[in-house]
């Protein structure tokens, strides 16, 4: 399951985010989205977990909780819409 994490502290590192979710199960990837020009965190990221039950437990436990000095929002990520080709 792909999980969206918002309202992150701009100083939070990928490893810290991954460790928080790893307490609930196997994390296959962790990413903090960064500005292409400055490299600064945009304050949100994504976690991928293999087991949906573990992912849902992580979402329930971490949503609207303090993490690295900020109250974060954690929810299932929306799938990207398919490109339609109609411009």
PDB file of N, CA and C in Angstrom:
ATOM      1  N   UNK A   1       0.850  -1.181   0.000  1.00  0.00           N
ATOM      2  CA  UNK A   1       0.000   0.000   0.000  1.00  0.00           C
ATOM      3  C   UNK A   1       0.891   1.238   0.000  1.00  0.00           C
ATOM      4  N   UNK A   2       0.511   2.198  -0.790  1.00  0.00           N
ATOM      5  CA  UNK A   2       1.222   3.471  -0.849  1.00  0.00           C
ATOM      6  C   UNK A   2       0.540   4.438   0.121  1.00  0.00           C
ATOM      7  N   UNK A   3       1.321   5.075   0.976  1.00  0.00           N
ATOM      8  CA  UNK A   3       0.803   5.951   2.020  1.00  0.00           C
ATOM      9  C   UNK A   3       1.332   7.360   1.810  1.00  0.00           C
ATOM     10  N   UNK A   4       0.431   8.325   1.901  1.00  0.00           N
ATOM     11  CA  UNK A   4       0.766   9.745   1.782  1.00  0.00           C
ATOM     12  C   UNK A   4       0.963  10.313   3.187  1.00  0.00           C
ATOM     13  N   UNK A   5       2.050  11.052   3.382  1.00  0.00           N
ATOM     14  CA  UNK A   5       2.347  11.669   4.675  1.00  0.00           C
ATOM     15  C   UNK A   5       2.560  13.164   4.436  1.00  0.00           C
ATOM     16  N   UNK A   6       1.750  13.995   5.096  1.00  0.00           N
ATOM     17  CA  UNK A   6       1.814  15.443   4.895  1.00  0.00           C
ATOM     18  C   UNK A   6       2.108  16.165   6.206  1.00  0.00           C
ATOM     19  N   UNK A   7       2.444  17.436   6.066  1.00  0.00           N
ATOM     20  CA  UNK A   7       2.749  18.338   7.180  1.00  0.00           C
ATOM     21  C   UNK A   7       4.009  17.910   7.931  1.00  0.00           C
ATOM     22  N   UNK A   8       4.963  17.358   7.180  1.00  0.00           N
ATOM     23  CA  UNK A   8       6.234  16.955   7.781  1.00  0.00           C
ATOM     24  C   UNK A   8       7.080  18.172   8.130  1.00  0.00           C
ATOM     25  N   UNK A   9       7.882  18.021   9.156  1.00  0.00           N
ATOM     26  CA  UNK A   9       8.890  19.017   9.474  1.00  0.00           C
ATOM     27  C   UNK A   9       9.846  19.080   8.277  1.00  0.00           C
ATOM     28  N   UNK A  10      10.206  20.271   7.857  1.00  0.00           N
ATOM     29  CA  UNK A  10      11.089  20.415   6.690  1.00  0.00           C
ATOM     30  C   UNK A  10      12.471  19.812   6.929  1.00  0.00           C
ATOM     31  N   UNK A  11      12.821  19.548   8.190  1.00  0.00           N
ATOM     32  CA  UNK A  11      14.122  18.955   8.506  1.00  0.00           C
ATOM     33  C   UNK A  11      14.064  17.437   8.634  1.00  0.00           C
ATOM     34  N   UNK A  12      12.871  16.852   8.558  1.00  0.00           N
ATOM     35  CA  UNK A  12      12.735  15.395   8.675  1.00  0.00           C
ATOM     36  C   UNK A  12      13.470  14.710   7.527  1.00  0.00           C
ATOM     37  N   UNK A  13      14.221  13.677   7.880  1.00  0.00           N
ATOM     38  CA  UNK A  13      14.950  12.904   6.871  1.00  0.00           C
ATOM     39  C   UNK A  13      14.185  11.638   6.517  1.00  0.00           C
ATOM     40  N   UNK A  14      14.451  11.139   5.339  1.00  0.00           N
ATOM     41  CA  UNK A  14      13.806   9.924   4.838  1.00  0.00           C
ATOM     42  C   UNK A  14      13.984   8.762   5.817  1.00  0.00           C
ATOM     43  N   UNK A  15      15.159   8.632   6.380  1.00  0.00           N
ATOM     44  CA  UNK A  15      15.453   7.525   7.291  1.00  0.00           C
ATOM     45  C   UNK A  15      14.598   7.593   8.558  1.00  0.00           C
ATOM     46  N   UNK A  16      14.348   8.797   9.043  1.00  0.00           N
ATOM     47  CA  UNK A  16      13.516   8.976  10.237  1.00  0.00           C
ATOM     48  C   UNK A  16      12.069   8.597   9.939  1.00  0.00           C
ATOM     49  N   UNK A  17      11.590   9.000   8.788  1.00  0.00           N
ATOM     50  CA  UNK A  17      10.225   8.678   8.373  1.00  0.00           C
ATOM     51  C   UNK A  17      10.072   7.168   8.204  1.00  0.00           C
ATOM     52  N   UNK A  18      11.023   6.567   7.538  1.00  0.00           N
ATOM     53  CA  UNK A  18      10.986   5.119   7.328  1.00  0.00           C
ATOM     54  C   UNK A  18      10.990   4.371   8.657  1.00  0.00           C
ATOM     55  N   UNK A  19      11.808   4.799   9.597  1.00  0.00           N
ATOM     56  CA  UNK A  19      11.897   4.139  10.904  1.00  0.00           C
ATOM     57  C   UNK A  19      10.574   4.205  11.663  1.00  0.00           C
ATOM     58  N   UNK A  20       9.869   5.316  11.560  1.00  0.00           N
ATOM     59  CA  UNK A  20       8.578   5.456  12.252  1.00  0.00           C
ATOM     60  C   UNK A  20       7.568   4.438  11.719  1.00  0.00           C
ATOM     61  N   UNK A  21       7.564   4.215  10.408  1.00  0.00           N
ATOM     62  CA  UNK A  21       6.613   3.280   9.818  1.00  0.00           C
ATOM     63  C   UNK A  21       7.075   1.834   9.970  1.00  0.00           C
ATOM     64  N   UNK A  22       8.379   1.608  10.044  1.00  0.00           N
ATOM     65  CA  UNK A  22       8.921   0.253  10.183  1.00  0.00           C
ATOM     66  C   UNK A  22       8.507  -0.385  11.503  1.00  0.00           C
ATOM     67  N   UNK A  23       8.101   0.402  12.471  1.00  0.00           N
ATOM     68  CA  UNK A  23       7.610  -0.139  13.748  1.00  0.00           C
ATOM     69  C   UNK A  23       6.334  -0.944  13.543  1.00  0.00           C
ATOM     70  N   UNK A  24       5.659  -0.726  12.413  1.00  0.00           N
ATOM     71  CA  UNK A  24       4.386  -1.385  12.140  1.00  0.00           C
ATOM     72  C   UNK A  24       4.494  -2.504  11.112  1.00  0.00           C
ATOM     73  N   UNK A  25       5.626  -2.617  10.430  1.00  0.00           N
ATOM     74  CA  UNK A  25       5.815  -3.671   9.437  1.00  0.00           C
ATOM     75  C   UNK A  25       6.888  -3.307   8.432  1.00  0.00           C
ATOM     76  N   UNK A  26       6.984  -4.103   7.398  1.00  0.00           N
ATOM     77  CA  UNK A  26       8.026  -3.926   6.387  1.00  0.00           C
ATOM     78  C   UNK A  26       7.742  -2.733   5.489  1.00  0.00           C
ATOM     79  N   UNK A  27       8.717  -1.836   5.412  1.00  0.00           N
ATOM     80  CA  UNK A  27       8.653  -0.674   4.527  1.00  0.00           C
ATOM     81  C   UNK A  27       9.519  -0.980   3.307  1.00  0.00           C
ATOM     82  N   UNK A  28       8.921  -0.888   2.118  1.00  0.00           N
ATOM     83  CA  UNK A  28       9.701  -1.171   0.909  1.00  0.00           C
ATOM     84  C   UNK A  28      10.321   0.089   0.318  1.00  0.00           C
ATOM     85  N   UNK A  29       9.720   1.248   0.604  1.00  0.00           N
ATOM     86  CA  UNK A  29      10.335   2.495   0.148  1.00  0.00           C
ATOM     87  C   UNK A  29       9.806   3.667   0.979  1.00  0.00           C
ATOM     88  N   UNK A  30      10.638   4.675   1.071  1.00  0.00           N
ATOM     89  CA  UNK A  30      10.270   5.920   1.745  1.00  0.00           C
ATOM     90  C   UNK A  30      10.835   7.062   0.917  1.00  0.00           C
ATOM     91  N   UNK A  31      10.019   8.100   0.737  1.00  0.00           N
ATOM     92  CA  UNK A  31      10.457   9.232  -0.079  1.00  0.00           C
ATOM     93  C   UNK A  31       9.891  10.519   0.498  1.00  0.00           C
ATOM     94  N   UNK A  32      10.745  11.510   0.630  1.00  0.00           N
ATOM     95  CA  UNK A  32      10.302  12.854   0.974  1.00  0.00           C
ATOM     96  C   UNK A  32      10.445  13.682  -0.292  1.00  0.00           C
ATOM     97  N   UNK A  33       9.374  14.330  -0.699  1.00  0.00           N
ATOM     98  CA  UNK A  33       9.373  15.111  -1.936  1.00  0.00           C
ATOM     99  C   UNK A  33      10.134  16.418  -1.692  1.00  0.00           C
ATOM    100  N   UNK A  34      11.028  16.733  -2.623  1.00  0.00           N
ATOM    101  CA  UNK A  34      11.876  17.913  -2.503  1.00  0.00           C
ATOM    102  C   UNK A  34      11.703  18.830  -3.705  1.00  0.00           C
ATOM    103  N   UNK A  35      11.911  20.110  -3.478  1.00  0.00           N
ATOM    104  CA  UNK A  35      11.883  21.102  -4.548  1.00  0.00           C
ATOM    105  C   UNK A  35      13.055  20.826  -5.486  1.00  0.00           C
ATOM    106  N   UNK A  36      12.786  20.808  -6.773  1.00  0.00           N
ATOM    107  CA  UNK A  36      13.835  20.490  -7.750  1.00  0.00           C
ATOM    108  C   UNK A  36      14.947  21.526  -7.781  1.00  0.00           C
ATOM    109  N   UNK A  37      14.617  22.775  -7.565  1.00  0.00           N
ATOM    110  CA  UNK A  37      15.622  23.834  -7.660  1.00  0.00           C
ATOM    111  C   UNK A  37      16.433  23.995  -6.384  1.00  0.00           C
ATOM    112  N   UNK A  38      15.763  23.964  -5.236  1.00  0.00           N
ATOM    113  CA  UNK A  38      16.457  24.240  -3.977  1.00  0.00           C
ATOM    114  C   UNK A  38      16.862  22.982  -3.226  1.00  0.00           C
ATOM    115  N   UNK A  39      16.200  21.855  -3.507  1.00  0.00           N
ATOM    116  CA  UNK A  39      16.472  20.626  -2.781  1.00  0.00           C
ATOM    117  C   UNK A  39      15.803  20.587  -1.410  1.00  0.00           C
ATOM    118  N   UNK A  40      15.062  21.640  -1.081  1.00  0.00           N
ATOM    119  CA  UNK A  40      14.395  21.724   0.217  1.00  0.00           C
ATOM    120  C   UNK A  40      13.145  20.841   0.217  1.00  0.00           C
ATOM    121  N   UNK A  41      12.881  20.231   1.357  1.00  0.00           N
ATOM    122  CA  UNK A  41      11.682  19.409   1.496  1.00  0.00           C
ATOM    123  C   UNK A  41      10.437  20.240   1.238  1.00  0.00           C
ATOM    124  N   UNK A  42       9.451  19.631   0.598  1.00  0.00           N
ATOM    125  CA  UNK A  42       8.164  20.294   0.390  1.00  0.00           C
ATOM    126  C   UNK A  42       7.193  19.998   1.535  1.00  0.00           C
ATOM    127  N   UNK A  43       7.636  19.204   2.512  1.00  0.00           N
ATOM    128  CA  UNK A  43       6.816  18.932   3.690  1.00  0.00           C
ATOM    129  C   UNK A  43       5.868  17.759   3.543  1.00  0.00           C
ATOM    130  N   UNK A  44       6.067  16.955   2.510  1.00  0.00           N
ATOM    131  CA  UNK A  44       5.257  15.745   2.379  1.00  0.00           C
ATOM    132  C   UNK A  44       6.068  14.640   1.722  1.00  0.00           C
ATOM    133  N   UNK A  45       5.551  13.425   1.845  1.00  0.00           N
ATOM    134  CA  UNK A  45       6.263  12.296   1.277  1.00  0.00           C
ATOM    135  C   UNK A  45       5.366  11.085   1.138  1.00  0.00           C
ATOM    136  N   UNK A  46       5.998   9.957   0.795  1.00  0.00           N
ATOM    137  CA  UNK A  46       5.268   8.720   0.567  1.00  0.00           C
ATOM    138  C   UNK A  46       6.019   7.555   1.194  1.00  0.00           C
ATOM    139  N   UNK A  47       5.256   6.612   1.714  1.00  0.00           N
ATOM    140  CA  UNK A  47       5.784   5.369   2.266  1.00  0.00           C
ATOM    141  C   UNK A  47       5.096   4.237   1.534  1.00  0.00           C
ATOM    142  N   UNK A  48       5.835   3.225   1.178  1.00  0.00           N
ATOM    143  CA  UNK A  48       5.263   2.028   0.568  1.00  0.00           C
ATOM    144  C   UNK A  48       5.475   0.870   1.536  1.00  0.00           C
ATOM    145  N   UNK A  49       4.367   0.183   1.876  1.00  0.00           N
ATOM    146  CA  UNK A  49       4.435  -0.984   2.750  1.00  0.00           C
ATOM    147  C   UNK A  49       3.806  -2.163   2.006  1.00  0.00           C
ATOM    148  N   UNK A  50       4.392  -3.350   2.187  1.00  0.00           N
ATOM    149  CA  UNK A  50       3.935  -4.523   1.448  1.00  0.00           C
ATOM    150  C   UNK A  50       2.623  -5.086   1.979  1.00  0.00           C
ATOM    151  N   UNK A  51       2.394  -5.003   3.276  1.00  0.00           N
ATOM    152  CA  UNK A  51       1.224  -5.611   3.894  1.00  0.00           C
ATOM    153  C   UNK A  51       0.179  -4.533   4.191  1.00  0.00           C
ATOM    154  N   UNK A  52      -1.014  -4.676   3.611  1.00  0.00           N
ATOM    155  CA  UNK A  52      -2.064  -3.667   3.791  1.00  0.00           C
ATOM    156  C   UNK A  52      -2.518  -3.548   5.244  1.00  0.00           C
ATOM    157  N   UNK A  53      -2.585  -4.657   5.969  1.00  0.00           N
ATOM    158  CA  UNK A  53      -2.999  -4.599   7.375  1.00  0.00           C
ATOM    159  C   UNK A  53      -1.995  -3.794   8.197  1.00  0.00           C
ATOM    160  N   UNK A  54      -0.703  -4.052   7.962  1.00  0.00           N
ATOM    161  CA  UNK A  54       0.336  -3.289   8.666  1.00  0.00           C
ATOM    162  C   UNK A  54       0.278  -1.823   8.278  1.00  0.00           C
ATOM    163  N   UNK A  55       0.044  -1.550   7.009  1.00  0.00           N
ATOM    164  CA  UNK A  55      -0.054  -0.164   6.535  1.00  0.00           C
ATOM    165  C   UNK A  55      -1.230   0.540   7.200  1.00  0.00           C
ATOM    166  N   UNK A  56      -2.377  -0.123   7.262  1.00  0.00           N
ATOM    167  CA  UNK A  56      -3.551   0.472   7.901  1.00  0.00           C
ATOM    168  C   UNK A  56      -3.323   0.709   9.388  1.00  0.00           C
ATOM    169  N   UNK A  57      -2.602  -0.194  10.043  1.00  0.00           N
ATOM    170  CA  UNK A  57      -2.255   0.006  11.454  1.00  0.00           C
ATOM    171  C   UNK A  57      -1.363   1.229  11.621  1.00  0.00           C
ATOM    172  N   UNK A  58      -0.413   1.393  10.718  1.00  0.00           N
ATOM    173  CA  UNK A  58       0.481   2.552  10.769  1.00  0.00           C
ATOM    174  C   UNK A  58      -0.294   3.845  10.555  1.00  0.00           C
ATOM    175  N   UNK A  59      -1.211   3.832   9.594  1.00  0.00           N
ATOM    176  CA  UNK A  59      -2.027   5.016   9.321  1.00  0.00           C
ATOM    177  C   UNK A  59      -2.840   5.384  10.553  1.00  0.00           C
ATOM    178  N   UNK A  60      -3.500   4.395  11.155  1.00  0.00           N
ATOM    179  CA  UNK A  60      -4.333   4.642  12.336  1.00  0.00           C
ATOM    180  C   UNK A  60      -3.507   5.168  13.508  1.00  0.00           C
ATOM    181  N   UNK A  61      -2.308   4.634  13.665  1.00  0.00           N
ATOM    182  CA  UNK A  61      -1.474   5.012  14.803  1.00  0.00           C
ATOM    183  C   UNK A  61      -0.786   6.367  14.630  1.00  0.00           C
ATOM    184  N   UNK A  62      -0.442   6.721  13.394  1.00  0.00           N
ATOM    185  CA  UNK A  62       0.372   7.918  13.174  1.00  0.00           C
ATOM    186  C   UNK A  62      -0.399   9.140  12.691  1.00  0.00           C
ATOM    187  N   UNK A  63      -1.592   8.956  12.145  1.00  0.00           N
ATOM    188  CA  UNK A  63      -2.356  10.090  11.631  1.00  0.00           C
ATOM    189  C   UNK A  63      -2.703  11.062  12.758  1.00  0.00           C
ATOM    190  N   UNK A  64      -2.450  12.331  12.500  1.00  0.00           N
ATOM    191  CA  UNK A  64      -2.715  13.430  13.432  1.00  0.00           C
ATOM    192  C   UNK A  64      -1.980  13.280  14.762  1.00  0.00           C
ATOM    193  N   UNK A  65      -0.790  12.661  14.686  1.00  0.00           N
ATOM    194  CA  UNK A  65       0.074  12.522  15.853  1.00  0.00           C
ATOM    195  C   UNK A  65       1.331  13.349  15.628  1.00  0.00           C
ATOM    196  N   UNK A  66       1.989  13.703  16.719  1.00  0.00           N
ATOM    197  CA  UNK A  66       3.222  14.480  16.607  1.00  0.00           C
ATOM    198  C   UNK A  66       4.363  13.582  16.140  1.00  0.00           C
ATOM    199  N   UNK A  67       5.082  14.070  15.147  1.00  0.00           N
ATOM    200  CA  UNK A  67       6.266  13.388  14.640  1.00  0.00           C
ATOM    201  C   UNK A  67       7.298  14.447  14.299  1.00  0.00           C
ATOM    202  N   UNK A  68       8.446  14.361  14.900  1.00  0.00           N
ATOM    203  CA  UNK A  68       9.544  15.290  14.642  1.00  0.00           C
ATOM    204  C   UNK A  68       9.108  16.752  14.832  1.00  0.00           C
ATOM    205  N   UNK A  69       8.280  16.962  15.884  1.00  0.00           N
ATOM    206  CA  UNK A  69       7.885  18.321  16.248  1.00  0.00           C
ATOM    207  C   UNK A  69       6.685  18.885  15.522  1.00  0.00           C
ATOM    208  N   UNK A  70       6.060  18.099  14.632  1.00  0.00           N
ATOM    209  CA  UNK A  70       4.884  18.567  13.874  1.00  0.00           C
ATOM    210  C   UNK A  70       3.793  17.505  13.938  1.00  0.00           C
ATOM    211  N   UNK A  71       2.539  17.935  13.907  1.00  0.00           N
ATOM    212  CA  UNK A  71       1.416  17.002  13.821  1.00  0.00           C
ATOM    213  C   UNK A  71       1.232  16.662  12.343  1.00  0.00           C
ATOM    214  N   UNK A  72       1.396  15.386  12.020  1.00  0.00           N
ATOM    215  CA  UNK A  72       1.375  14.965  10.624  1.00  0.00           C
ATOM    216  C   UNK A  72       0.014  14.390  10.212  1.00  0.00           C
ATOM    217  N   UNK A  73      -0.217  14.366   8.924  1.00  0.00           N
ATOM    218  CA  UNK A  73      -1.405  13.753   8.333  1.00  0.00           C
ATOM    219  C   UNK A  73      -0.935  12.520   7.571  1.00  0.00           C
ATOM    220  N   UNK A  74      -1.569  11.376   7.857  1.00  0.00           N
ATOM    221  CA  UNK A  74      -1.181  10.115   7.230  1.00  0.00           C
ATOM    222  C   UNK A  74      -2.441   9.463   6.682  1.00  0.00           C
ATOM    223  N   UNK A  75      -2.431   9.150   5.379  1.00  0.00           N
ATOM    224  CA  UNK A  75      -3.595   8.511   4.766  1.00  0.00           C
ATOM    225  C   UNK A  75      -3.161   7.736   3.529  1.00  0.00           C
ATOM    226  N   UNK A  76      -4.026   6.820   3.058  1.00  0.00           N
ATOM    227  CA  UNK A  76      -3.674   6.103   1.836  1.00  0.00           C
ATOM    228  C   UNK A  76      -3.482   7.097   0.698  1.00  0.00           C
ATOM    229  N   UNK A  77      -2.463   6.851  -0.110  1.00  0.00           N
ATOM    230  CA  UNK A  77      -2.196   7.738  -1.249  1.00  0.00           C
ATOM    231  C   UNK A  77      -3.195   7.472  -2.354  1.00  0.00           C
ATOM    232  N   UNK A  78      -3.621   8.525  -3.010  1.00  0.00           N
ATOM    233  CA  UNK A  78      -4.495   8.383  -4.173  1.00  0.00           C
ATOM    234  C   UNK A  78      -3.673   7.906  -5.346  1.00  0.00           C
ATOM    235  N   UNK A  79      -4.235   7.001  -6.108  1.00  0.00           N
ATOM    236  CA  UNK A  79      -3.539   6.535  -7.310  1.00  0.00           C
ATOM    237  C   UNK A  79      -3.506   7.674  -8.321  1.00  0.00           C
ATOM    238  N   UNK A  80      -2.424   7.748  -9.068  1.00  0.00           N
ATOM    239  CA  UNK A  80      -2.320   8.764 -10.111  1.00  0.00           C
ATOM    240  C   UNK A  80      -3.320   8.431 -11.223  1.00  0.00           C
ATOM    241  N   UNK A  81      -4.040   9.429 -11.715  1.00  0.00           N
ATOM    242  CA  UNK A  81      -4.964   9.132 -12.815  1.00  0.00           C
ATOM    243  C   UNK A  81      -4.185   8.773 -14.081  1.00  0.00           C
ATOM    244  N   UNK A  82      -4.739   7.886 -14.841  1.00  0.00           N
ATOM    245  CA  UNK A  82      -4.090   7.483 -16.095  1.00  0.00           C
ATOM    246  C   UNK A  82      -4.147   8.636 -17.086  1.00  0.00           C
ATOM    247  N   UNK A  83      -3.099   8.790 -17.864  1.00  0.00           N
ATOM    248  CA  UNK A  83      -3.069   9.829 -18.890  1.00  0.00           C
ATOM    249  C   UNK A  83      -4.091   9.473 -19.966  1.00  0.00           C
ATOM    250  N   UNK A  84      -4.923  10.428 -20.306  1.00  0.00           N
ATOM    251  CA  UNK A  84      -5.987  10.136 -21.265  1.00  0.00           C
ATOM    252  C   UNK A  84      -5.566  10.381 -22.703  1.00  0.00           C
ATOM    253  N   UNK A  85      -4.587  11.203 -22.916  1.00  0.00           N
ATOM    254  CA  UNK A  85      -4.170  11.521 -24.265  1.00  0.00           C
ATOM    255  C   UNK A  85      -4.998  12.616 -24.898  1.00  0.00           C
ATOM    256  N   UNK A  86      -6.067  13.023 -24.233  1.00  0.00           N
ATOM    257  CA  UNK A  86      -6.914  14.110 -24.734  1.00  0.00           C
ATOM    258  C   UNK A  86      -6.397  15.425 -24.175  1.00  0.00           C
ATOM    259  N   UNK A  87      -5.907  16.270 -25.013  1.00  0.00           N
ATOM    260  CA  UNK A  87      -5.360  17.548 -24.552  1.00  0.00           C
ATOM    261  C   UNK A  87      -6.284  18.615 -24.955  1.00  0.00           C
TER     262      UNK A  87
END
